Amino acid sequence: MTAIRTSALTIGAVGLLAATPGLAATGLAGTWVAKSPSGKVVLKLRGSGKSYRGTYAARGKTSRVTVRLSTADGAGQVTLTFTASNRSTLCGLLGHRLMCVADTGTLAFGRV
């Protein structure tokens, strides 16, 4: 599976997000798709406000995830957590793209 990794590189590579006061208002519910060198990655989220649940599917495997929106030092943050392993990573919402760092590089999820 294209694993998302937690590291200081996540913050640098994604650039976190620009301060986005409307981050929670944007909403993350729906289906997000990214292309990686190993194939398509699909993130399906449901929820509203600052808390979401869903699935992350890549290379034929599906994992359950939770997503939390927060603000740190005035910048919006998206924390993606794989529930089975309790592994988390920071992602960034840049425009209409959700950017997350994976083993194969940065995944740019677009809503479908």
PDB file of N, CA and C in Angstrom:
ATOM      1  N   MET A   1       0.848  -1.165   0.000  1.00  0.00           N
ATOM      2  CA  MET A   1       0.000   0.000   0.000  1.00  0.00           C
ATOM      3  C   MET A   1       0.894   1.229   0.000  1.00  0.00           C
ATOM      4  N   THR A   2       0.444   2.270  -0.653  1.00  0.00           N
ATOM      5  CA  THR A   2       1.174   3.518  -0.616  1.00  0.00           C
ATOM      6  C   THR A   2       0.975   4.096   0.778  1.00  0.00           C
ATOM      7  N   ALA A   3       1.948   3.933   1.611  1.00  0.00           N
ATOM      8  CA  ALA A   3       1.814   4.352   3.007  1.00  0.00           C
ATOM      9  C   ALA A   3       2.158   5.822   3.152  1.00  0.00           C
ATOM     10  N   ILE A   4       1.381   6.489   3.931  1.00  0.00           N
ATOM     11  CA  ILE A   4       1.685   7.873   4.260  1.00  0.00           C
ATOM     12  C   ILE A   4       2.576   7.846   5.482  1.00  0.00           C
ATOM     13  N   ARG A   5       3.649   8.590   5.444  1.00  0.00           N
ATOM     14  CA  ARG A   5       4.583   8.547   6.565  1.00  0.00           C
ATOM     15  C   ARG A   5       4.548   9.826   7.372  1.00  0.00           C
ATOM     16  N   THR A   6       4.846   9.681   8.640  1.00  0.00           N
ATOM     17  CA  THR A   6       4.884  10.803   9.556  1.00  0.00           C
ATOM     18  C   THR A   6       6.321  11.235   9.709  1.00  0.00           C
ATOM     19  N   SER A   7       6.598  12.489   9.424  1.00  0.00           N
ATOM     20  CA  SER A   7       7.950  13.001   9.601  1.00  0.00           C
ATOM     21  C   SER A   7       7.940  14.510   9.524  1.00  0.00           C
ATOM     22  N   ALA A   8       9.065  15.083   9.864  1.00  0.00           N
ATOM     23  CA  ALA A   8       9.204  16.528   9.746  1.00  0.00           C
ATOM     24  C   ALA A   8       9.149  16.938   8.284  1.00  0.00           C
ATOM     25  N   LEU A   9       9.468  16.016   7.373  1.00  0.00           N
ATOM     26  CA  LEU A   9       9.399  16.321   5.951  1.00  0.00           C
ATOM     27  C   LEU A   9       7.974  16.631   5.521  1.00  0.00           C
ATOM     28  N   THR A  10       7.005  16.051   6.206  1.00  0.00           N
ATOM     29  CA  THR A  10       5.615  16.305   5.854  1.00  0.00           C
ATOM     30  C   THR A  10       5.315  17.788   5.921  1.00  0.00           C
ATOM     31  N   ILE A  11       5.725  18.410   6.987  1.00  0.00           N
ATOM     32  CA  ILE A  11       5.442  19.828   7.161  1.00  0.00           C
ATOM     33  C   ILE A  11       6.153  20.633   6.078  1.00  0.00           C
ATOM     34  N   GLY A  12       7.410  20.317   5.808  1.00  0.00           N
ATOM     35  CA  GLY A  12       8.148  21.058   4.797  1.00  0.00           C
ATOM     36  C   GLY A  12       7.636  20.801   3.394  1.00  0.00           C
ATOM     37  N   ALA A  13       7.368  19.551   3.053  1.00  0.00           N
ATOM     38  CA  ALA A  13       6.952  19.214   1.699  1.00  0.00           C
ATOM     39  C   ALA A  13       5.565  19.756   1.377  1.00  0.00           C
ATOM     40  N   VAL A  14       4.676  19.668   2.328  1.00  0.00           N
ATOM     41  CA  VAL A  14       3.332  20.163   2.096  1.00  0.00           C
ATOM     42  C   VAL A  14       3.278  21.662   2.283  1.00  0.00           C
ATOM     43  N   GLY A  15       4.194  22.198   3.052  1.00  0.00           N
ATOM     44  CA  GLY A  15       4.175  23.623   3.327  1.00  0.00           C
ATOM     45  C   GLY A  15       3.042  23.983   4.257  1.00  0.00           C
ATOM     46  N   LEU A  16       2.574  22.982   4.986  1.00  0.00           N
ATOM     47  CA  LEU A  16       1.350  23.103   5.778  1.00  0.00           C
ATOM     48  C   LEU A  16       0.299  23.747   4.905  1.00  0.00           C
ATOM     49  N   LEU A  17      -0.523  24.547   5.422  1.00  0.00           N
ATOM     50  CA  LEU A  17      -1.486  25.252   4.607  1.00  0.00           C
ATOM     51  C   LEU A  17      -1.317  26.721   4.860  1.00  0.00           C
ATOM     52  N   ALA A  18      -1.690  27.472   3.905  1.00  0.00           N
ATOM     53  CA  ALA A  18      -1.742  28.906   4.140  1.00  0.00           C
ATOM     54  C   ALA A  18      -2.817  29.093   5.191  1.00  0.00           C
ATOM     55  N   ALA A  19      -2.705  30.140   5.985  1.00  0.00           N
ATOM     56  CA  ALA A  19      -3.724  30.374   7.008  1.00  0.00           C
ATOM     57  C   ALA A  19      -5.077  30.414   6.324  1.00  0.00           C
ATOM     58  N   THR A  20      -5.934  29.492   6.665  1.00  0.00           N
ATOM     59  CA  THR A  20      -7.214  29.353   6.002  1.00  0.00           C
ATOM     60  C   THR A  20      -8.341  29.409   7.014  1.00  0.00           C
ATOM     61  N   PRO A  21      -8.865  30.602   7.276  1.00  0.00           N
ATOM     62  CA  PRO A  21      -9.924  30.693   8.261  1.00  0.00           C
ATOM     63  C   PRO A  21     -11.151  29.880   7.875  1.00  0.00           C
ATOM     64  N   GLY A  22     -11.391  29.687   6.598  1.00  0.00           N
ATOM     65  CA  GLY A  22     -12.562  28.958   6.160  1.00  0.00           C
ATOM     66  C   GLY A  22     -12.316  27.480   5.990  1.00  0.00           C
ATOM     67  N   LEU A  23     -11.242  26.955   6.581  1.00  0.00           N
ATOM     68  CA  LEU A  23     -10.889  25.560   6.418  1.00  0.00           C
ATOM     69  C   LEU A  23     -12.033  24.640   6.807  1.00  0.00           C
ATOM     70  N   ALA A  24     -12.596  24.835   7.972  1.00  0.00           N
ATOM     71  CA  ALA A  24     -13.697  23.982   8.419  1.00  0.00           C
ATOM     72  C   ALA A  24     -14.922  24.185   7.542  1.00  0.00           C
ATOM     73  N   ALA A  25     -15.113  25.404   7.057  1.00  0.00           N
ATOM     74  CA  ALA A  25     -16.267  25.690   6.214  1.00  0.00           C
ATOM     75  C   ALA A  25     -16.139  25.013   4.855  1.00  0.00           C
ATOM     76  N   THR A  26     -14.912  24.779   4.397  1.00  0.00           N
ATOM     77  CA  THR A  26     -14.683  24.143   3.112  1.00  0.00           C
ATOM     78  C   THR A  26     -15.260  22.744   3.103  1.00  0.00           C
ATOM     79  N   GLY A  27     -15.069  22.010   4.159  1.00  0.00           N
ATOM     80  CA  GLY A  27     -15.574  20.655   4.263  1.00  0.00           C
ATOM     81  C   GLY A  27     -14.727  19.673   3.477  1.00  0.00           C
ATOM     82  N   LEU A  28     -14.492  18.526   4.064  1.00  0.00           N
ATOM     83  CA  LEU A  28     -13.686  17.491   3.427  1.00  0.00           C
ATOM     84  C   LEU A  28     -14.508  16.273   3.037  1.00  0.00           C
ATOM     85  N   ALA A  29     -15.804  16.277   3.341  1.00  0.00           N
ATOM     86  CA  ALA A  29     -16.643  15.124   3.032  1.00  0.00           C
ATOM     87  C   ALA A  29     -16.683  14.881   1.533  1.00  0.00           C
ATOM     88  N   GLY A  30     -16.646  13.610   1.160  1.00  0.00           N
ATOM     89  CA  GLY A  30     -16.708  13.246  -0.246  1.00  0.00           C
ATOM     90  C   GLY A  30     -15.578  12.321  -0.622  1.00  0.00           C
ATOM     91  N   THR A  31     -15.389  12.150  -1.902  1.00  0.00           N
ATOM     92  CA  THR A  31     -14.357  11.262  -2.425  1.00  0.00           C
ATOM     93  C   THR A  31     -13.212  12.084  -2.991  1.00  0.00           C
ATOM     94  N   TRP A  32     -11.999  11.730  -2.586  1.00  0.00           N
ATOM     95  CA  TRP A  32     -10.772  12.397  -3.027  1.00  0.00           C
ATOM     96  C   TRP A  32      -9.907  11.350  -3.724  1.00  0.00           C
ATOM     97  N   VAL A  33      -9.316  11.701  -4.855  1.00  0.00           N
ATOM     98  CA  VAL A  33      -8.502  10.759  -5.619  1.00  0.00           C
ATOM     99  C   VAL A  33      -7.147  11.383  -5.927  1.00  0.00           C
ATOM    100  N   ALA A  34      -6.098  10.573  -5.799  1.00  0.00           N
ATOM    101  CA  ALA A  34      -4.737  10.993  -6.146  1.00  0.00           C
ATOM    102  C   ALA A  34      -4.103   9.903  -6.999  1.00  0.00           C
ATOM    103  N   LYS A  35      -3.175  10.308  -7.851  1.00  0.00           N
ATOM    104  CA  LYS A  35      -2.408   9.352  -8.641  1.00  0.00           C
ATOM    105  C   LYS A  35      -1.018   9.256  -8.042  1.00  0.00           C
ATOM    106  N   SER A  36      -0.550   8.028  -7.885  1.00  0.00           N
ATOM    107  CA  SER A  36       0.803   7.800  -7.395  1.00  0.00           C
ATOM    108  C   SER A  36       1.500   6.881  -8.391  1.00  0.00           C
ATOM    109  N   PRO A  37       2.816   6.766  -8.308  1.00  0.00           N
ATOM    110  CA  PRO A  37       3.520   5.858  -9.212  1.00  0.00           C
ATOM    111  C   PRO A  37       3.033   4.411  -9.108  1.00  0.00           C
ATOM    112  N   SER A  38       2.460   4.045  -7.970  1.00  0.00           N
ATOM    113  CA  SER A  38       1.980   2.673  -7.795  1.00  0.00           C
ATOM    114  C   SER A  38       0.481   2.528  -8.074  1.00  0.00           C
ATOM    115  N   GLY A  39      -0.151   3.584  -8.569  1.00  0.00           N
ATOM    116  CA  GLY A  39      -1.568   3.499  -8.914  1.00  0.00           C
ATOM    117  C   GLY A  39      -2.404   4.572  -8.258  1.00  0.00           C
ATOM    118  N   LYS A  40      -3.697   4.390  -8.363  1.00  0.00           N
ATOM    119  CA  LYS A  40      -4.664   5.357  -7.841  1.00  0.00           C
ATOM    120  C   LYS A  40      -4.862   5.161  -6.342  1.00  0.00           C
ATOM    121  N   VAL A  41      -5.001   6.272  -5.632  1.00  0.00           N
ATOM    122  CA  VAL A  41      -5.288   6.261  -4.199  1.00  0.00           C
ATOM    123  C   VAL A  41      -6.628   6.978  -4.007  1.00  0.00           C
ATOM    124  N   VAL A  42      -7.551   6.343  -3.297  1.00  0.00           N
ATOM    125  CA  VAL A  42      -8.885   6.915  -3.089  1.00  0.00           C
ATOM    126  C   VAL A  42      -9.123   7.116  -1.597  1.00  0.00           C
ATOM    127  N   LEU A  43      -9.477   8.327  -1.238  1.00  0.00           N
ATOM    128  CA  LEU A  43      -9.790   8.692   0.143  1.00  0.00           C
ATOM    129  C   LEU A  43     -11.260   9.094   0.175  1.00  0.00           C
ATOM    130  N   LYS A  44     -12.079   8.335   0.904  1.00  0.00           N
ATOM    131  CA  LYS A  44     -13.508   8.640   1.028  1.00  0.00           C
ATOM    132  C   LYS A  44     -13.775   9.081   2.451  1.00  0.00           C
ATOM    133  N   LEU A  45     -14.327  10.277   2.601  1.00  0.00           N
ATOM    134  CA  LEU A  45     -14.571  10.842   3.928  1.00  0.00           C
ATOM    135  C   LEU A  45     -16.027  11.235   4.107  1.00  0.00           C
ATOM    136  N   ARG A  46     -16.510  11.056   5.328  1.00  0.00           N
ATOM    137  CA  ARG A  46     -17.835  11.533   5.712  1.00  0.00           C
ATOM    138  C   ARG A  46     -17.695  12.231   7.057  1.00  0.00           C
ATOM    139  N   GLY A  47     -18.538  13.186   7.284  1.00  0.00           N
ATOM    140  CA  GLY A  47     -18.484  13.963   8.520  1.00  0.00           C
ATOM    141  C   GLY A  47     -18.673  15.421   8.188  1.00  0.00           C
ATOM    142  N   SER A  48     -18.411  16.262   9.174  1.00  0.00           N
ATOM    143  CA  SER A  48     -18.533  17.701   8.966  1.00  0.00           C
ATOM    144  C   SER A  48     -17.766  18.425  10.056  1.00  0.00           C
ATOM    145  N   GLY A  49     -17.623  19.709   9.874  1.00  0.00           N
ATOM    146  CA  GLY A  49     -16.919  20.516  10.869  1.00  0.00           C
ATOM    147  C   GLY A  49     -15.453  20.170  10.930  1.00  0.00           C
ATOM    148  N   LYS A  50     -14.995  19.728  12.096  1.00  0.00           N
ATOM    149  CA  LYS A  50     -13.575  19.445  12.297  1.00  0.00           C
ATOM    150  C   LYS A  50     -13.252  17.961  12.413  1.00  0.00           C
ATOM    151  N   SER A  51     -14.247  17.088  12.226  1.00  0.00           N
ATOM    152  CA  SER A  51     -14.018  15.660  12.429  1.00  0.00           C
ATOM    153  C   SER A  51     -14.633  14.844  11.295  1.00  0.00           C
ATOM    154  N   TYR A  52     -13.832  13.961  10.711  1.00  0.00           N
ATOM    155  CA  TYR A  52     -14.267  13.130   9.605  1.00  0.00           C
ATOM    156  C   TYR A  52     -13.785  11.698   9.808  1.00  0.00           C
ATOM    157  N   ARG A  53     -14.487  10.736   9.213  1.00  0.00           N
ATOM    158  CA  ARG A  53     -14.099   9.320   9.211  1.00  0.00           C
ATOM    159  C   ARG A  53     -14.217   8.834   7.782  1.00  0.00           C
ATOM    160  N   GLY A  54     -13.483   7.771   7.484  1.00  0.00           N
ATOM    161  CA  GLY A  54     -13.616   7.232   6.139  1.00  0.00           C
ATOM    162  C   GLY A  54     -12.631   6.128   5.859  1.00  0.00           C
ATOM    163  N   THR A  55     -12.330   5.957   4.562  1.00  0.00           N
ATOM    164  CA  THR A  55     -11.422   4.904   4.120  1.00  0.00           C
ATOM    165  C   THR A  55     -10.351   5.462   3.198  1.00  0.00           C
ATOM    166  N   TYR A  56      -9.211   4.785   3.193  1.00  0.00           N
ATOM    167  CA  TYR A  56      -8.060   5.111   2.346  1.00  0.00           C
ATOM    168  C   TYR A  56      -7.740   3.831   1.587  1.00  0.00           C
ATOM    169  N   ALA A  57      -7.918   3.849   0.261  1.00  0.00           N
ATOM    170  CA  ALA A  57      -7.702   2.654  -0.541  1.00  0.00           C
ATOM    171  C   ALA A  57      -6.552   2.868  -1.516  1.00  0.00           C
ATOM    172  N   ALA A  58      -5.591   1.933  -1.499  1.00  0.00           N
ATOM    173  CA  ALA A  58      -4.449   1.981  -2.404  1.00  0.00           C
ATOM    174  C   ALA A  58      -3.941   0.571  -2.655  1.00  0.00           C
ATOM    175  N   ARG A  59      -3.603   0.276  -3.896  1.00  0.00           N
ATOM    176  CA  ARG A  59      -3.023  -1.018  -4.281  1.00  0.00           C
ATOM    177  C   ARG A  59      -3.846  -2.206  -3.783  1.00  0.00           C
ATOM    178  N   GLY A  60      -5.161  -2.087  -3.859  1.00  0.00           N
ATOM    179  CA  GLY A  60      -6.035  -3.196  -3.495  1.00  0.00           C
ATOM    180  C   GLY A  60      -6.310  -3.360  -2.012  1.00  0.00           C
ATOM    181  N   LYS A  61      -5.766  -2.490  -1.185  1.00  0.00           N
ATOM    182  CA  LYS A  61      -6.004  -2.581   0.260  1.00  0.00           C
ATOM    183  C   LYS A  61      -6.735  -1.329   0.740  1.00  0.00           C
ATOM    184  N   THR A  62      -7.642  -1.540   1.676  1.00  0.00           N
ATOM    185  CA  THR A  62      -8.418  -0.428   2.224  1.00  0.00           C
ATOM    186  C   THR A  62      -8.188  -0.339   3.725  1.00  0.00           C
ATOM    187  N   SER A  63      -7.927   0.870   4.196  1.00  0.00           N
ATOM    188  CA  SER A  63      -7.722   1.127   5.627  1.00  0.00           C
ATOM    189  C   SER A  63      -8.727   2.154   6.102  1.00  0.00           C
ATOM    190  N   ARG A  64      -9.130   2.026   7.349  1.00  0.00           N
ATOM    191  CA  ARG A  64     -10.010   3.030   7.952  1.00  0.00           C
ATOM    192  C   ARG A  64      -9.151   4.190   8.453  1.00  0.00           C
ATOM    193  N   VAL A  65      -9.685   5.402   8.284  1.00  0.00           N
ATOM    194  CA  VAL A  65      -8.957   6.599   8.704  1.00  0.00           C
ATOM    195  C   VAL A  65      -9.894   7.568   9.410  1.00  0.00           C
ATOM    196  N   THR A  66      -9.294   8.436  10.211  1.00  0.00           N
ATOM    197  CA  THR A  66     -10.001   9.581  10.767  1.00  0.00           C
ATOM    198  C   THR A  66      -9.232  10.821  10.346  1.00  0.00           C
ATOM    199  N   VAL A  67      -9.942  11.911  10.216  1.00  0.00           N
ATOM    200  CA  VAL A  67      -9.330  13.178   9.830  1.00  0.00           C
ATOM    201  C   VAL A  67      -9.817  14.250  10.782  1.00  0.00           C
ATOM    202  N   ARG A  68      -8.886  15.043  11.281  1.00  0.00           N
ATOM    203  CA  ARG A  68      -9.209  16.159  12.184  1.00  0.00           C
ATOM    204  C   ARG A  68      -8.671  17.443  11.592  1.00  0.00           C
ATOM    205  N   LEU A  69      -9.477  18.478  11.642  1.00  0.00           N
ATOM    206  CA  LEU A  69      -9.044  19.810  11.231  1.00  0.00           C
ATOM    207  C   LEU A  69      -8.706  20.586  12.481  1.00  0.00           C
ATOM    208  N   SER A  70      -7.612  21.323  12.446  1.00  0.00           N
ATOM    209  CA  SER A  70      -7.226  22.131  13.601  1.00  0.00           C
ATOM    210  C   SER A  70      -6.441  23.337  13.130  1.00  0.00           C
ATOM    211  N   THR A  71      -6.128  24.194  14.085  1.00  0.00           N
ATOM    212  CA  THR A  71      -5.331  25.379  13.794  1.00  0.00           C
ATOM    213  C   THR A  71      -4.144  25.389  14.741  1.00  0.00           C
ATOM    214  N   ALA A  72      -2.956  25.537  14.178  1.00  0.00           N
ATOM    215  CA  ALA A  72      -1.731  25.619  14.982  1.00  0.00           C
ATOM    216  C   ALA A  72      -0.969  26.850  14.540  1.00  0.00           C
ATOM    217  N   ASP A  73      -0.702  27.736  15.458  1.00  0.00           N
ATOM    218  CA  ASP A  73       0.026  28.965  15.153  1.00  0.00           C
ATOM    219  C   ASP A  73      -0.618  29.746  14.014  1.00  0.00           C
ATOM    220  N   GLY A  74      -1.943  29.712  13.940  1.00  0.00           N
ATOM    221  CA  GLY A  74      -2.652  30.484  12.939  1.00  0.00           C
ATOM    222  C   GLY A  74      -2.767  29.818  11.583  1.00  0.00           C
ATOM    223  N   ALA A  75      -2.160  28.658  11.392  1.00  0.00           N
ATOM    224  CA  ALA A  75      -2.259  27.946  10.122  1.00  0.00           C
ATOM    225  C   ALA A  75      -3.159  26.735  10.291  1.00  0.00           C
ATOM    226  N   GLY A  76      -3.976  26.478   9.308  1.00  0.00           N
ATOM    227  CA  GLY A  76      -4.857  25.323   9.368  1.00  0.00           C
ATOM    228  C   GLY A  76      -4.073  24.047   9.167  1.00  0.00           C
ATOM    229  N   GLN A  77      -4.504  22.983   9.817  1.00  0.00           N
ATOM    230  CA  GLN A  77      -3.859  21.677   9.705  1.00  0.00           C
ATOM    231  C   GLN A  77      -4.908  20.611   9.468  1.00  0.00           C
ATOM    232  N   VAL A  78      -4.552  19.598   8.703  1.00  0.00           N
ATOM    233  CA  VAL A  78      -5.380  18.424   8.508  1.00  0.00           C
ATOM    234  C   VAL A  78      -4.553  17.247   9.004  1.00  0.00           C
ATOM    235  N   THR A  79      -5.038  16.535  10.015  1.00  0.00           N
ATOM    236  CA  THR A  79      -4.334  15.369  10.541  1.00  0.00           C
ATOM    237  C   THR A  79      -5.065  14.115  10.094  1.00  0.00           C
ATOM    238  N   LEU A  80      -4.377  13.279   9.323  1.00  0.00           N
ATOM    239  CA  LEU A  80      -4.922  12.027   8.828  1.00  0.00           C
ATOM    240  C   LEU A  80      -4.363  10.900   9.684  1.00  0.00           C
ATOM    241  N   THR A  81      -5.242  10.096  10.303  1.00  0.00           N
ATOM    242  CA  THR A  81      -4.817   9.009  11.183  1.00  0.00           C
ATOM    243  C   THR A  81      -5.386   7.684  10.694  1.00  0.00           C
ATOM    244  N   PHE A  82      -4.497   6.687  10.538  1.00  0.00           N
ATOM    245  CA  PHE A  82      -4.924   5.337  10.205  1.00  0.00           C
ATOM    246  C   PHE A  82      -5.315   4.673  11.524  1.00  0.00           C
ATOM    247  N   THR A  83      -6.585   4.289  11.658  1.00  0.00           N
ATOM    248  CA  THR A  83      -7.082   3.827  12.952  1.00  0.00           C
ATOM    249  C   THR A  83      -6.459   2.512  13.408  1.00  0.00           C
ATOM    250  N   ALA A  84      -6.173   1.564  12.524  1.00  0.00           N
ATOM    251  CA  ALA A  84      -5.618   0.270  12.932  1.00  0.00           C
ATOM    252  C   ALA A  84      -4.223   0.410  13.535  1.00  0.00           C
ATOM    253  N   SER A  85      -3.403   1.264  12.945  1.00  0.00           N
ATOM    254  CA  SER A  85      -2.022   1.413  13.423  1.00  0.00           C
ATOM    255  C   SER A  85      -1.830   2.651  14.289  1.00  0.00           C
ATOM    256  N   ASN A  86      -2.847   3.503  14.346  1.00  0.00           N
ATOM    257  CA  ASN A  86      -2.777   4.772  15.073  1.00  0.00           C
ATOM    258  C   ASN A  86      -1.627   5.649  14.555  1.00  0.00           C
ATOM    259  N   ARG A  87      -1.296   5.480  13.278  1.00  0.00           N
ATOM    260  CA  ARG A  87      -0.247   6.254  12.629  1.00  0.00           C
ATOM    261  C   ARG A  87      -0.877   7.511  12.036  1.00  0.00           C
ATOM    262  N   SER A  88      -0.265   8.665  12.283  1.00  0.00           N
ATOM    263  CA  SER A  88      -0.821   9.932  11.813  1.00  0.00           C
ATOM    264  C   SER A  88       0.180  10.694  10.967  1.00  0.00           C
ATOM    265  N   THR A  89      -0.352  11.554  10.138  1.00  0.00           N
ATOM    266  CA  THR A  89       0.466  12.461   9.349  1.00  0.00           C
ATOM    267  C   THR A  89      -0.292  13.760   9.141  1.00  0.00           C
ATOM    268  N   LEU A  90       0.451  14.825   8.953  1.00  0.00           N
ATOM    269  CA  LEU A  90      -0.159  16.110   8.650  1.00  0.00           C
ATOM    270  C   LEU A  90      -0.299  16.243   7.143  1.00  0.00           C
ATOM    271  N   CYS A  91      -1.423  16.782   6.728  1.00  0.00           N
ATOM    272  CA  CYS A  91      -1.673  17.047   5.318  1.00  0.00           C
ATOM    273  C   CYS A  91      -2.023  18.525   5.193  1.00  0.00           C
ATOM    274  N   GLY A  92      -2.011  19.015   3.990  1.00  0.00           N
ATOM    275  CA  GLY A  92      -2.354  20.410   3.775  1.00  0.00           C
ATOM    276  C   GLY A  92      -3.470  20.548   2.766  1.00  0.00           C
ATOM    277  N   LEU A  93      -4.355  21.472   3.002  1.00  0.00           N
ATOM    278  CA  LEU A  93      -5.427  21.779   2.062  1.00  0.00           C
ATOM    279  C   LEU A  93      -5.028  23.054   1.342  1.00  0.00           C
ATOM    280  N   LEU A  94      -4.610  22.898   0.098  1.00  0.00           N
ATOM    281  CA  LEU A  94      -4.147  24.029  -0.703  1.00  0.00           C
ATOM    282  C   LEU A  94      -5.115  24.234  -1.851  1.00  0.00           C
ATOM    283  N   GLY A  95      -5.895  25.300  -1.775  1.00  0.00           N
ATOM    284  CA  GLY A  95      -6.935  25.498  -2.775  1.00  0.00           C
ATOM    285  C   GLY A  95      -7.944  24.376  -2.677  1.00  0.00           C
ATOM    286  N   HIS A  96      -8.123  23.670  -3.768  1.00  0.00           N
ATOM    287  CA  HIS A  96      -9.058  22.544  -3.788  1.00  0.00           C
ATOM    288  C   HIS A  96      -8.317  21.216  -3.812  1.00  0.00           C
ATOM    289  N   ARG A  97      -7.092  21.190  -3.333  1.00  0.00           N
ATOM    290  CA  ARG A  97      -6.261  19.989  -3.288  1.00  0.00           C
ATOM    291  C   ARG A  97      -5.898  19.658  -1.850  1.00  0.00           C
ATOM    292  N   LEU A  98      -5.957  18.388  -1.518  1.00  0.00           N
ATOM    293  CA  LEU A  98      -5.509  17.897  -0.225  1.00  0.00           C
ATOM    294  C   LEU A  98      -4.157  17.245  -0.476  1.00  0.00           C
ATOM    295  N   MET A  99      -3.083  17.810   0.094  1.00  0.00           N
ATOM    296  CA  MET A  99      -1.720  17.348  -0.159  1.00  0.00           C
ATOM    297  C   MET A  99      -1.216  16.551   1.040  1.00  0.00           C
ATOM    298  N   CYS A 100      -0.782  15.319   0.775  1.00  0.00           N
ATOM    299  CA  CYS A 100      -0.244  14.453   1.818  1.00  0.00           C
ATOM    300  C   CYS A 100       1.048  13.817   1.309  1.00  0.00           C
ATOM    301  N   VAL A 101       1.986  13.587   2.200  1.00  0.00           N
ATOM    302  CA  VAL A 101       3.242  12.958   1.828  1.00  0.00           C
ATOM    303  C   VAL A 101       3.119  11.447   1.979  1.00  0.00           C
ATOM    304  N   ALA A 102       3.551  10.716   0.954  1.00  0.00           N
ATOM    305  CA  ALA A 102       3.538   9.251   0.966  1.00  0.00           C
ATOM    306  C   ALA A 102       4.951   8.757   0.687  1.00  0.00           C
ATOM    307  N   ASP A 103       5.145   7.450   0.782  1.00  0.00           N
ATOM    308  CA  ASP A 103       6.455   6.865   0.508  1.00  0.00           C
ATOM    309  C   ASP A 103       6.946   7.203  -0.896  1.00  0.00           C
ATOM    310  N   THR A 104       6.018   7.359  -1.820  1.00  0.00           N
ATOM    311  CA  THR A 104       6.381   7.609  -3.212  1.00  0.00           C
ATOM    312  C   THR A 104       6.429   9.089  -3.559  1.00  0.00           C
ATOM    313  N   GLY A 105       6.253   9.962  -2.590  1.00  0.00           N
ATOM    314  CA  GLY A 105       6.255  11.409  -2.826  1.00  0.00           C
ATOM    315  C   GLY A 105       4.981  12.040  -2.311  1.00  0.00           C
ATOM    316  N   THR A 106       4.726  13.241  -2.749  1.00  0.00           N
ATOM    317  CA  THR A 106       3.535  13.958  -2.301  1.00  0.00           C
ATOM    318  C   THR A 106       2.328  13.524  -3.117  1.00  0.00           C
ATOM    319  N   LEU A 107       1.253  13.193  -2.429  1.00  0.00           N
ATOM    320  CA  LEU A 107      -0.008  12.856  -3.085  1.00  0.00           C
ATOM    321  C   LEU A 107      -0.873  14.097  -3.119  1.00  0.00           C
ATOM    322  N   ALA A 108      -1.355  14.456  -4.288  1.00  0.00           N
ATOM    323  CA  ALA A 108      -2.235  15.609  -4.443  1.00  0.00           C
ATOM    324  C   ALA A 108      -3.643  15.081  -4.728  1.00  0.00           C
ATOM    325  N   PHE A 109      -4.459  15.057  -3.690  1.00  0.00           N
ATOM    326  CA  PHE A 109      -5.815  14.562  -3.815  1.00  0.00           C
ATOM    327  C   PHE A 109      -6.707  15.665  -4.370  1.00  0.00           C
ATOM    328  N   GLY A 110      -7.510  15.316  -5.340  1.00  0.00           N
ATOM    329  CA  GLY A 110      -8.535  16.216  -5.858  1.00  0.00           C
ATOM    330  C   GLY A 110      -9.892  15.603  -5.603  1.00  0.00           C
ATOM    331  N   ARG A 111     -10.869  16.445  -5.364  1.00  0.00           N
ATOM    332  CA  ARG A 111     -12.230  15.945  -5.086  1.00  0.00           C
ATOM    333  C   ARG A 111     -12.894  15.518  -6.391  1.00  0.00           C
ATOM    334  N   VAL A 112     -13.578  14.389  -6.334  1.00  0.00           N
ATOM    335  CA  VAL A 112     -14.314  13.919  -7.530  1.00  0.00           C
ATOM    336  C   VAL A 112     -15.794  13.888  -7.257  1.00  0.00           C
TER     337      VAL A 112
END
